[in-house]
């Protein structure tokens, strides 16, 4: 089973707590894959990156997949600069 989440405009310190709660709720469910649809995400800060990394660790630990879809080119370039493009399964938006 797959579940999909849309975090909204930004993944940053101001939204991290609410998004983290949502992520943890979904990870606790009996799912095979967590898809985070980042179509509306325009910015991500270090808090947001940390949140995604922690979620990836949790899904990996429980043998589940986590995919980031519709990632903007700018955010993908950030992931690439930090070498996180090898850590996450990322699909860049068209």
N, C-alpha and C. Protein backbone atom coordinates (compact mmCIF):
# COMPACT_ATOMS: atom_id res chain seq x y z
N UNK A 1 0.84 -1.18 0.00
CA UNK A 1 0.00 0.00 0.00
C UNK A 1 0.88 1.25 0.00
N UNK A 2 0.46 2.24 -0.72
CA UNK A 2 1.20 3.49 -0.85
C UNK A 2 0.35 4.63 -0.30
N UNK A 3 1.01 5.56 0.35
CA UNK A 3 0.32 6.77 0.80
C UNK A 3 1.09 7.99 0.31
N UNK A 4 0.34 9.04 0.02
CA UNK A 4 0.95 10.25 -0.52
C UNK A 4 0.61 11.45 0.36
N UNK A 5 1.62 12.31 0.57
CA UNK A 5 1.45 13.53 1.35
C UNK A 5 1.89 14.72 0.53
N UNK A 6 1.19 15.84 0.71
CA UNK A 6 1.60 17.11 0.11
C UNK A 6 1.89 18.07 1.26
N UNK A 7 3.16 18.41 1.46
CA UNK A 7 3.51 19.26 2.60
C UNK A 7 3.05 20.70 2.50
N UNK A 8 2.78 21.22 1.33
CA UNK A 8 2.37 22.62 1.20
C UNK A 8 3.47 23.46 0.60
N UNK A 9 3.42 24.77 0.85
CA UNK A 9 4.31 25.73 0.19
C UNK A 9 5.77 25.58 0.61
N UNK A 10 6.02 25.47 1.90
CA UNK A 10 7.38 25.39 2.40
C UNK A 10 7.52 24.26 3.41
N UNK A 11 8.73 23.73 3.51
CA UNK A 11 9.06 22.81 4.59
C UNK A 11 10.17 23.52 5.37
N UNK A 12 9.75 24.19 6.41
CA UNK A 12 10.70 24.99 7.18
C UNK A 12 10.35 24.96 8.66
N UNK A 13 11.05 25.74 9.43
CA UNK A 13 10.87 25.74 10.87
C UNK A 13 9.43 26.04 11.28
N UNK A 14 8.75 26.89 10.54
CA UNK A 14 7.39 27.26 10.90
C UNK A 14 6.37 26.16 10.63
N UNK A 15 6.68 25.24 9.73
CA UNK A 15 5.74 24.16 9.39
C UNK A 15 6.22 22.79 9.85
N UNK A 16 7.44 22.72 10.35
CA UNK A 16 8.08 21.44 10.64
C UNK A 16 7.31 20.59 11.66
N UNK A 17 6.86 21.19 12.74
CA UNK A 17 6.20 20.41 13.79
C UNK A 17 4.94 19.73 13.28
N UNK A 18 4.09 20.48 12.59
CA UNK A 18 2.86 19.90 12.06
C UNK A 18 3.15 18.85 11.00
N UNK A 19 4.09 19.13 10.11
CA UNK A 19 4.41 18.17 9.05
C UNK A 19 5.04 16.91 9.63
N UNK A 20 5.88 17.07 10.65
CA UNK A 20 6.51 15.92 11.29
C UNK A 20 5.45 15.02 11.91
N UNK A 21 4.47 15.60 12.56
CA UNK A 21 3.38 14.81 13.15
C UNK A 21 2.66 14.01 12.08
N UNK A 22 2.36 14.66 10.96
CA UNK A 22 1.70 13.98 9.85
C UNK A 22 2.57 12.86 9.30
N UNK A 23 3.86 13.13 9.11
CA UNK A 23 4.79 12.10 8.62
C UNK A 23 4.81 10.89 9.54
N UNK A 24 4.97 11.14 10.84
CA UNK A 24 5.05 10.04 11.80
C UNK A 24 3.77 9.23 11.82
N UNK A 25 2.62 9.90 11.72
CA UNK A 25 1.34 9.18 11.67
C UNK A 25 1.28 8.25 10.47
N UNK A 26 1.75 8.73 9.32
CA UNK A 26 1.72 7.91 8.10
C UNK A 26 2.73 6.77 8.17
N UNK A 27 3.90 7.03 8.73
CA UNK A 27 4.94 5.99 8.82
C UNK A 27 4.49 4.87 9.75
N UNK A 28 3.71 5.19 10.77
CA UNK A 28 3.22 4.18 11.71
C UNK A 28 2.18 3.26 11.09
N UNK A 29 1.54 3.70 10.01
CA UNK A 29 0.53 2.88 9.34
C UNK A 29 1.20 1.75 8.58
N UNK A 30 0.41 0.77 8.22
CA UNK A 30 0.92 -0.38 7.47
C UNK A 30 0.99 -0.02 5.99
N UNK A 31 2.06 0.66 5.62
CA UNK A 31 2.26 1.08 4.23
C UNK A 31 3.56 0.49 3.70
N UNK A 32 3.65 0.38 2.40
CA UNK A 32 4.88 -0.08 1.77
C UNK A 32 5.73 1.09 1.29
N UNK A 33 5.04 2.18 0.90
CA UNK A 33 5.77 3.32 0.37
C UNK A 33 5.10 4.62 0.79
N UNK A 34 5.94 5.56 1.18
CA UNK A 34 5.50 6.91 1.51
C UNK A 34 5.97 7.82 0.39
N UNK A 35 5.03 8.46 -0.30
CA UNK A 35 5.34 9.38 -1.38
C UNK A 35 5.07 10.79 -0.88
N UNK A 36 6.08 11.63 -0.95
CA UNK A 36 5.91 13.02 -0.57
C UNK A 36 5.90 13.84 -1.86
N UNK A 37 4.71 14.35 -2.18
CA UNK A 37 4.50 15.12 -3.40
C UNK A 37 4.86 16.58 -3.11
N UNK A 38 5.96 17.02 -3.65
CA UNK A 38 6.49 18.35 -3.35
C UNK A 38 6.14 19.37 -4.43
N UNK A 39 5.03 19.15 -5.13
CA UNK A 39 4.63 20.01 -6.24
C UNK A 39 4.48 21.48 -5.82
N UNK A 40 4.00 21.73 -4.60
CA UNK A 40 3.78 23.11 -4.14
C UNK A 40 4.92 23.65 -3.29
N UNK A 41 5.93 22.82 -3.00
CA UNK A 41 7.02 23.25 -2.12
C UNK A 41 7.95 24.19 -2.89
N UNK A 42 8.08 25.40 -2.35
CA UNK A 42 8.94 26.39 -2.98
C UNK A 42 10.26 26.57 -2.23
N UNK A 43 10.23 26.31 -0.92
CA UNK A 43 11.44 26.48 -0.11
C UNK A 43 11.54 25.35 0.91
N UNK A 44 12.79 25.03 1.23
CA UNK A 44 13.06 24.07 2.29
C UNK A 44 14.29 24.57 3.04
N UNK A 45 14.22 24.58 4.36
CA UNK A 45 15.34 25.07 5.16
C UNK A 45 16.01 23.89 5.87
N UNK A 46 17.07 24.14 6.63
CA UNK A 46 17.77 23.03 7.31
C UNK A 46 16.86 22.20 8.22
N UNK A 47 15.90 22.84 8.86
CA UNK A 47 14.95 22.10 9.71
C UNK A 47 14.13 21.14 8.84
N UNK A 48 13.67 21.63 7.71
CA UNK A 48 12.91 20.79 6.78
C UNK A 48 13.73 19.65 6.22
N UNK A 49 14.99 19.92 5.88
CA UNK A 49 15.87 18.86 5.40
C UNK A 49 16.07 17.80 6.48
N UNK A 50 16.29 18.24 7.70
CA UNK A 50 16.46 17.31 8.81
C UNK A 50 15.23 16.44 9.01
N UNK A 51 14.07 17.04 8.86
CA UNK A 51 12.82 16.30 9.01
C UNK A 51 12.70 15.22 7.94
N UNK A 52 13.02 15.55 6.69
CA UNK A 52 12.95 14.57 5.61
C UNK A 52 13.99 13.46 5.79
N UNK A 53 15.17 13.81 6.25
CA UNK A 53 16.21 12.81 6.50
C UNK A 53 15.78 11.86 7.61
N UNK A 54 15.20 12.40 8.69
CA UNK A 54 14.72 11.56 9.80
C UNK A 54 13.61 10.63 9.33
N UNK A 55 12.70 11.14 8.49
CA UNK A 55 11.62 10.31 7.97
C UNK A 55 12.17 9.20 7.08
N UNK A 56 13.17 9.53 6.27
CA UNK A 56 13.80 8.53 5.41
C UNK A 56 14.44 7.43 6.25
N UNK A 57 15.11 7.81 7.34
CA UNK A 57 15.72 6.82 8.22
C UNK A 57 14.68 5.90 8.83
N UNK A 58 13.55 6.47 9.25
CA UNK A 58 12.48 5.66 9.83
C UNK A 58 11.88 4.68 8.82
N UNK A 59 11.66 5.16 7.59
CA UNK A 59 11.08 4.26 6.59
C UNK A 59 12.08 3.18 6.20
N UNK A 60 13.33 3.54 6.10
CA UNK A 60 14.37 2.56 5.76
C UNK A 60 14.49 1.50 6.85
N UNK A 61 14.44 1.95 8.09
CA UNK A 61 14.56 1.05 9.24
C UNK A 61 13.44 0.01 9.25
N UNK A 62 12.27 0.40 8.77
CA UNK A 62 11.13 -0.53 8.74
C UNK A 62 10.93 -1.14 7.35
N UNK A 63 11.99 -1.13 6.53
CA UNK A 63 11.98 -1.73 5.19
C UNK A 63 10.86 -1.20 4.30
N UNK A 64 10.66 0.10 4.35
CA UNK A 64 9.67 0.76 3.50
C UNK A 64 10.37 1.75 2.59
N UNK A 65 9.68 2.13 1.55
CA UNK A 65 10.23 3.09 0.60
C UNK A 65 9.71 4.49 0.91
N UNK A 66 10.52 5.48 0.60
CA UNK A 66 10.09 6.87 0.68
C UNK A 66 10.57 7.57 -0.57
N UNK A 67 9.65 8.20 -1.27
CA UNK A 67 9.94 8.85 -2.54
C UNK A 67 9.53 10.32 -2.48
N UNK A 68 10.36 11.17 -3.03
CA UNK A 68 10.02 12.58 -3.18
C UNK A 68 9.68 12.81 -4.64
N UNK A 69 8.46 13.24 -4.92
CA UNK A 69 8.04 13.46 -6.30
C UNK A 69 7.77 14.94 -6.55
N UNK A 70 7.79 15.29 -7.82
CA UNK A 70 7.51 16.66 -8.26
C UNK A 70 8.39 17.70 -7.56
N UNK A 71 9.65 17.35 -7.39
CA UNK A 71 10.62 18.24 -6.75
C UNK A 71 11.04 19.30 -7.77
N UNK A 72 11.03 20.57 -7.35
CA UNK A 72 11.44 21.64 -8.25
C UNK A 72 12.93 21.51 -8.57
N UNK A 73 13.33 22.10 -9.67
CA UNK A 73 14.73 22.05 -10.08
C UNK A 73 15.62 22.69 -9.02
N UNK A 74 15.18 23.82 -8.45
CA UNK A 74 15.97 24.51 -7.43
C UNK A 74 16.18 23.63 -6.20
N UNK A 75 15.12 22.99 -5.75
CA UNK A 75 15.25 22.12 -4.56
C UNK A 75 16.07 20.89 -4.91
N UNK A 76 15.90 20.35 -6.11
CA UNK A 76 16.72 19.21 -6.52
C UNK A 76 18.20 19.60 -6.53
N UNK A 77 18.50 20.79 -7.02
CA UNK A 77 19.90 21.24 -7.04
C UNK A 77 20.46 21.37 -5.62
N UNK A 78 19.63 21.78 -4.67
CA UNK A 78 20.04 21.83 -3.27
C UNK A 78 20.37 20.41 -2.78
N UNK A 79 19.48 19.47 -3.05
CA UNK A 79 19.72 18.08 -2.67
C UNK A 79 20.99 17.55 -3.31
N UNK A 80 21.19 17.90 -4.58
CA UNK A 80 22.37 17.44 -5.30
C UNK A 80 23.65 18.04 -4.70
N UNK A 81 23.62 19.33 -4.38
CA UNK A 81 24.79 19.99 -3.79
C UNK A 81 25.16 19.36 -2.44
N UNK A 82 24.16 18.88 -1.73
CA UNK A 82 24.39 18.25 -0.43
C UNK A 82 24.56 16.73 -0.54
N UNK A 83 24.58 16.25 -1.77
CA UNK A 83 24.70 14.82 -2.08
C UNK A 83 23.54 13.99 -1.52
N UNK A 84 22.42 14.64 -1.30
CA UNK A 84 21.23 13.94 -0.84
C UNK A 84 20.45 13.30 -1.99
N UNK A 85 20.83 13.64 -3.21
CA UNK A 85 20.18 13.03 -4.36
C UNK A 85 20.48 11.53 -4.45
N UNK A 86 21.53 11.09 -3.77
CA UNK A 86 21.86 9.66 -3.73
C UNK A 86 21.14 8.97 -2.57
N UNK A 87 20.71 9.73 -1.61
CA UNK A 87 20.06 9.20 -0.41
C UNK A 87 18.55 9.03 -0.63
N UNK A 88 17.95 9.98 -1.32
CA UNK A 88 16.51 9.96 -1.58
C UNK A 88 16.21 9.48 -2.99
N UNK A 89 15.05 8.87 -3.14
CA UNK A 89 14.52 8.53 -4.46
C UNK A 89 13.72 9.76 -4.89
N UNK A 90 14.23 10.52 -5.87
CA UNK A 90 13.66 11.82 -6.24
C UNK A 90 13.22 11.82 -7.69
N UNK A 91 12.02 12.38 -7.90
CA UNK A 91 11.53 12.64 -9.24
C UNK A 91 11.36 14.15 -9.37
N UNK A 92 12.04 14.75 -10.34
CA UNK A 92 11.99 16.19 -10.55
C UNK A 92 10.74 16.52 -11.36
N UNK A 93 10.09 17.65 -11.00
CA UNK A 93 8.90 18.06 -11.72
C UNK A 93 9.25 18.50 -13.13
N UNK A 94 8.32 18.33 -14.01
CA UNK A 94 8.54 18.67 -15.43
C UNK A 94 8.40 20.15 -15.65
